[in-house]
Amino acid sequence: MPKYNTLTREQLLELRAELSDRYEAAKSRKLNLNMSRGVPSPEQLSLSAAMFDMPSSVVESVNGADCRNYGVPEGIPEARRLMADIMELDAAQVFIGGGSSLNLMHDCLSFAVIHGLTRSEKPWGKLDSWKFLCPSPGYDRHFAITRELGAQLVTVGMNPEGPDMGEVEQLVKDPAVKGIWCVPKYSNPQGITYSDGTVRRIAALKPAAPDFIIMWDNAYAVHGLYPGRDTPLLNLMDELIKNQSEHMALFFASTAKITVAGGGISAVGAGEELMGWVKAHKAVQIICGDKLNQLRHARFLPDISAVYSHMEKHADILRPKFELMEEALGEIRDDGLARYEIPMGGYFISLDLVHASAKRVVGLLSDIGVAMTPAGATFPYGIDPHDRNIRIAPTLPAQDELAAAARMLCLCVRLASVERALENL
């Protein structure tokens, strides 16, 4: 039972007055703190500074292509190899994009809406309606893409092993269900890595829609916080091949949180049939990507060992921030006001309040100068049915700023919880 539910009305009123005084004092300090998005800190971005100082006299790819010129629309071989190693695919299964994997996701789903997927009976945009499964809490930008393109968003619950597969297996019996979003490793925002059983059940799905697609956004594939203790993820492509279903998934990744957030490279991966579809539609859209940037990345990160060595430096910067949040949030957890798990990797902490007060907490924080992701953003249409989930992004602030933001978060959770306890008397 939450601690505040055991207090008398008089005790709650006294506590509310004390917390309100502390809140007003914080408000007078005119704070400007930000835990709203999963943004790398300046220290992290500086880890890749040497990439921009590399000699530029050699501009040829290993295949002899002049990276200053047109050509090689699928990406230079060394960049495809780099991203394939990160995604655990074959280089032939990878197409290199620009700095944003979200851009590639939007492209691929737009192609499905306009032209249809390889097994589509009709382009999705010509259907009376179509649906997309959204495991939640999840990534708001995923939900925004499918909503903008006309999908009906269907919420699927998450558990410690990933999406509720019993629910998914029932929902895909509807031929209007065209796909599912997945962030399979260190998920946004809960930090969950899908279990082997979940990956196998996803690969074994038998959807009623022949053009059902798994949008496998493995954004945090190499983003462990504890080197040597990385949480393994079963290879979905291997499992799809076993089920003769490699046509059923598109794989995505980028270097946005590996090198430079605004200037990395991205990739989409697929089996032979879908890769042909990707290449055909991308060929109409672009002549080629930024091969000089691809070359720069491939030289800076020549193999997967270099990637992991580089990511250990990121982990050394991020780990103290997550540990700071764990210590701060422990107090409200111990008082029975919230639940959370500190992840082994990724960029977020998912905080679930015991009292239905996420909007109130985020509003209180905003009024004292602490920016958070809007309450409800981790659910389709921005509606958290229980008004309890808050996504915390501890990566950008400096350590002292993060400590101040964590204190304010806990203060606002306490104040909102007292208010709810008084309402429930």
Foldseek 3Di string as FASTA:
>chain_A
DFLLLPDDLVVLVVVLVVLVVVLVVLLVVQAAAEFADQAFAPVLQVLQVVLVVDDDPDQAAPVGDRLVDFDDAQAGQLLLQAVCQLLVHDSVQKGKAWLDLLVVVLVVLVCQQVPNAPQAPGRQVPDPAAAEEEEPLAALSVLVSCVVSGHDYDYFYADLQGTPLVVVLVVLQDQRYAEYEDQAALGVAAGHHHDPVVLLSVLQRDGPHPRRAYEHEPAWSLFFLDPPPGDDHDNSCVSNVVNVRQSHYKYKYWCLSQHPVVGTMMMIGGPPRRVVVSVVSVVVVDRHHNRSRSVSVCVCQVHVVSSNVSSNVVSVQCVVQLVLLCVLCVVSVVSVQWDWDRHRGDFKTKIFGPALQLQQLQVSCVSSNYHHHHQQSSDNPSDDPSNTIGIGGRRHDDNVSSNVSSNSSVSSSVSRVSVRSSVVD
